[in-house]
Amino acid sequence: MVILTSIFAYHNVQLFLRLMIYFLMWSLVLVFRFLHRKKTRKRMDERTKYMMKHTEKDKDGKYPWEIKDND
């Protein structure tokens, strides 16, 4: 019975440690994303402006994704 109890205790400790590692990693990712959200948004805005500047418009001044198909 002592052997069985020690096996279950060992597995519970492993599970607890694994869950704590996952929780720590998840927390670090959330903190990192929170701290860099303005930088990411600024980079997206700059890339959008670049894309809009370098995308050709048709004769009506519309971008390719604004044209509706009449199918």
N, C-alpha and C. Protein backbone atom coordinates (compact mmCIF):
# COMPACT_ATOMS: atom_id res chain seq x y z
N MET A 1 0.82 -1.20 0.00
CA MET A 1 0.00 0.00 0.00
C MET A 1 0.86 1.26 0.00
N VAL A 2 1.98 1.21 0.68
CA VAL A 2 2.88 2.36 0.73
C VAL A 2 3.46 2.62 -0.65
N ILE A 3 3.76 1.56 -1.37
CA ILE A 3 4.31 1.71 -2.72
C ILE A 3 3.28 2.37 -3.64
N LEU A 4 2.04 1.91 -3.55
CA LEU A 4 0.97 2.48 -4.37
C LEU A 4 0.75 3.95 -4.04
N THR A 5 0.77 4.31 -2.78
CA THR A 5 0.60 5.69 -2.36
C THR A 5 1.76 6.56 -2.86
N SER A 6 2.97 6.05 -2.78
CA SER A 6 4.12 6.83 -3.23
C SER A 6 4.08 7.04 -4.75
N ILE A 7 3.58 6.04 -5.49
CA ILE A 7 3.46 6.20 -6.95
C ILE A 7 2.45 7.29 -7.29
N PHE A 8 1.28 7.26 -6.63
CA PHE A 8 0.26 8.30 -6.87
C PHE A 8 0.77 9.67 -6.46
N ALA A 9 1.47 9.75 -5.35
CA ALA A 9 2.00 11.04 -4.89
C ALA A 9 3.03 11.56 -5.89
N TYR A 10 3.86 10.67 -6.40
CA TYR A 10 4.87 11.07 -7.37
C TYR A 10 4.22 11.62 -8.64
N HIS A 11 3.17 10.96 -9.12
CA HIS A 11 2.49 11.42 -10.32
C HIS A 11 1.76 12.74 -10.08
N ASN A 12 1.21 12.91 -8.89
CA ASN A 12 0.54 14.17 -8.59
C ASN A 12 1.54 15.32 -8.53
N VAL A 13 2.71 15.05 -8.00
CA VAL A 13 3.75 16.08 -7.95
C VAL A 13 4.19 16.43 -9.38
N GLN A 14 4.37 15.43 -10.21
CA GLN A 14 4.73 15.69 -11.61
C GLN A 14 3.67 16.53 -12.31
N LEU A 15 2.42 16.17 -12.09
CA LEU A 15 1.32 16.91 -12.71
C LEU A 15 1.32 18.36 -12.22
N PHE A 16 1.49 18.55 -10.92
CA PHE A 16 1.51 19.89 -10.36
C PHE A 16 2.65 20.72 -10.95
N LEU A 17 3.83 20.14 -11.02
CA LEU A 17 4.97 20.86 -11.58
C LEU A 17 4.75 21.20 -13.05
N ARG A 18 4.22 20.28 -13.80
CA ARG A 18 3.94 20.52 -15.21
C ARG A 18 2.92 21.64 -15.39
N LEU A 19 1.86 21.61 -14.58
CA LEU A 19 0.85 22.66 -14.67
C LEU A 19 1.41 24.02 -14.27
N MET A 20 2.28 24.05 -13.29
CA MET A 20 2.90 25.31 -12.88
C MET A 20 3.81 25.87 -13.99
N ILE A 21 4.52 25.00 -14.67
CA ILE A 21 5.37 25.44 -15.78
C ILE A 21 4.50 26.01 -16.91
N TYR A 22 3.40 25.34 -17.24
CA TYR A 22 2.50 25.84 -18.28
C TYR A 22 1.90 27.19 -17.87
N PHE A 23 1.49 27.29 -16.62
CA PHE A 23 0.90 28.53 -16.13
C PHE A 23 1.92 29.67 -16.18
N LEU A 24 3.15 29.39 -15.80
CA LEU A 24 4.21 30.41 -15.84
C LEU A 24 4.47 30.86 -17.27
N MET A 25 4.55 29.92 -18.20
CA MET A 25 4.79 30.27 -19.60
C MET A 25 3.63 31.09 -20.16
N TRP A 26 2.40 30.69 -19.84
CA TRP A 26 1.21 31.41 -20.29
C TRP A 26 1.22 32.84 -19.74
N SER A 27 1.58 32.99 -18.48
CA SER A 27 1.64 34.32 -17.87
C SER A 27 2.70 35.19 -18.53
N LEU A 28 3.86 34.62 -18.81
CA LEU A 28 4.91 35.38 -19.47
C LEU A 28 4.49 35.85 -20.86
N VAL A 29 3.80 35.00 -21.59
CA VAL A 29 3.32 35.38 -22.92
C VAL A 29 2.32 36.53 -22.83
N LEU A 30 1.41 36.46 -21.88
CA LEU A 30 0.43 37.53 -21.72
C LEU A 30 1.10 38.85 -21.34
N VAL A 31 2.05 38.80 -20.44
CA VAL A 31 2.76 40.01 -20.03
C VAL A 31 3.54 40.59 -21.21
N PHE A 32 4.23 39.73 -21.94
CA PHE A 32 5.01 40.18 -23.10
C PHE A 32 4.11 40.83 -24.14
N ARG A 33 2.98 40.22 -24.43
CA ARG A 33 2.05 40.79 -25.40
C ARG A 33 1.47 42.11 -24.92
N PHE A 34 1.19 42.20 -23.63
CA PHE A 34 0.64 43.44 -23.07
C PHE A 34 1.64 44.58 -23.17
N LEU A 35 2.91 44.30 -22.89
CA LEU A 35 3.93 45.33 -22.91
C LEU A 35 4.25 45.81 -24.32
N HIS A 36 4.08 44.95 -25.33
CA HIS A 36 4.47 45.29 -26.70
C HIS A 36 3.29 45.56 -27.63
N ARG A 37 2.11 45.79 -27.07
CA ARG A 37 0.93 45.96 -27.93
C ARG A 37 1.00 47.23 -28.76
N LYS A 38 1.52 48.33 -28.22
CA LYS A 38 1.62 49.58 -29.00
C LYS A 38 2.64 49.45 -30.12
N LYS A 39 3.73 48.78 -29.83
CA LYS A 39 4.77 48.58 -30.84
C LYS A 39 4.23 47.74 -32.00
N THR A 40 3.48 46.70 -31.67
CA THR A 40 2.90 45.83 -32.69
C THR A 40 1.88 46.60 -33.52
N ARG A 41 1.05 47.39 -32.88
CA ARG A 41 0.04 48.16 -33.59
C ARG A 41 0.69 49.17 -34.53
N LYS A 42 1.75 49.83 -34.06
CA LYS A 42 2.45 50.80 -34.88
C LYS A 42 3.07 50.14 -36.11
N ARG A 43 3.66 48.96 -35.92
CA ARG A 43 4.27 48.23 -37.03
C ARG A 43 3.20 47.83 -38.04
N MET A 44 2.05 47.39 -37.57
CA MET A 44 0.97 47.02 -38.49
C MET A 44 0.48 48.23 -39.28
N ASP A 45 0.37 49.39 -38.62
CA ASP A 45 -0.08 50.60 -39.32
C ASP A 45 0.92 51.02 -40.40
N GLU A 46 2.22 50.93 -40.08
CA GLU A 46 3.24 51.30 -41.07
C GLU A 46 3.20 50.36 -42.27
N ARG A 47 3.04 49.08 -42.02
CA ARG A 47 3.00 48.12 -43.12
C ARG A 47 1.74 48.29 -43.97
N THR A 48 0.64 48.66 -43.33
CA THR A 48 -0.59 48.90 -44.08
C THR A 48 -0.44 50.11 -44.99
N LYS A 49 0.16 51.18 -44.45
CA LYS A 49 0.39 52.37 -45.28
C LYS A 49 1.28 52.04 -46.48
N TYR A 50 2.34 51.26 -46.24
CA TYR A 50 3.25 50.86 -47.32
C TYR A 50 2.50 50.05 -48.38
N MET A 51 1.66 49.12 -47.93
CA MET A 51 0.93 48.27 -48.86
C MET A 51 -0.05 49.11 -49.68
N MET A 52 -0.74 50.04 -49.03
CA MET A 52 -1.71 50.87 -49.75
C MET A 52 -1.01 51.77 -50.77
N LYS A 53 0.17 52.25 -50.42
CA LYS A 53 0.91 53.13 -51.33
C LYS A 53 1.41 52.37 -52.56
N HIS A 54 1.78 51.10 -52.37
CA HIS A 54 2.39 50.33 -53.47
C HIS A 54 1.42 49.40 -54.19
N THR A 55 0.15 49.49 -53.89
CA THR A 55 -0.86 48.68 -54.59
C THR A 55 -1.50 49.54 -55.67
N GLU A 56 -1.55 48.99 -56.87
CA GLU A 56 -2.11 49.75 -57.99
C GLU A 56 -3.63 49.79 -57.91
N LYS A 57 -4.19 50.93 -58.29
CA LYS A 57 -5.65 51.10 -58.33
C LYS A 57 -6.11 50.97 -59.78
N ASP A 58 -7.40 50.68 -59.94
CA ASP A 58 -7.93 50.61 -61.30
C ASP A 58 -8.31 52.02 -61.77
N LYS A 59 -8.97 52.11 -62.91
CA LYS A 59 -9.29 53.42 -63.49
C LYS A 59 -10.27 54.23 -62.64
N ASP A 60 -11.06 53.56 -61.81
CA ASP A 60 -12.01 54.26 -60.93
C ASP A 60 -11.38 54.65 -59.60
N GLY A 61 -10.13 54.30 -59.40
CA GLY A 61 -9.45 54.63 -58.15
C GLY A 61 -9.72 53.66 -57.02
N LYS A 62 -10.10 52.42 -57.40
CA LYS A 62 -10.41 51.42 -56.38
C LYS A 62 -9.31 50.38 -56.31
N TYR A 63 -9.12 49.87 -55.12
CA TYR A 63 -8.15 48.79 -54.92
C TYR A 63 -8.75 47.47 -55.40
N PRO A 64 -7.92 46.46 -55.68
CA PRO A 64 -8.43 45.19 -56.19
C PRO A 64 -9.44 44.51 -55.26
N TRP A 65 -9.31 44.67 -53.96
CA TRP A 65 -10.24 44.00 -53.04
C TRP A 65 -11.54 44.77 -52.87
N GLU A 66 -11.63 45.99 -53.45
CA GLU A 66 -12.86 46.76 -53.38
C GLU A 66 -13.79 46.50 -54.56
N ILE A 67 -13.27 45.85 -55.60
CA ILE A 67 -14.05 45.59 -56.80
C ILE A 67 -14.98 44.41 -56.55
N LYS A 68 -16.26 44.60 -56.81
CA LYS A 68 -17.23 43.52 -56.63
C LYS A 68 -17.44 42.81 -57.94
N ASP A 69 -17.44 41.48 -57.87
CA ASP A 69 -17.69 40.68 -59.07
C ASP A 69 -19.19 40.61 -59.32
N ASN A 70 -19.57 40.61 -60.59
CA ASN A 70 -20.98 40.50 -60.95
C ASN A 70 -21.32 39.10 -61.41
N ASP A 71 -20.83 38.10 -60.70
CA ASP A 71 -21.09 36.70 -61.07
C ASP A 71 -22.39 36.22 -60.52
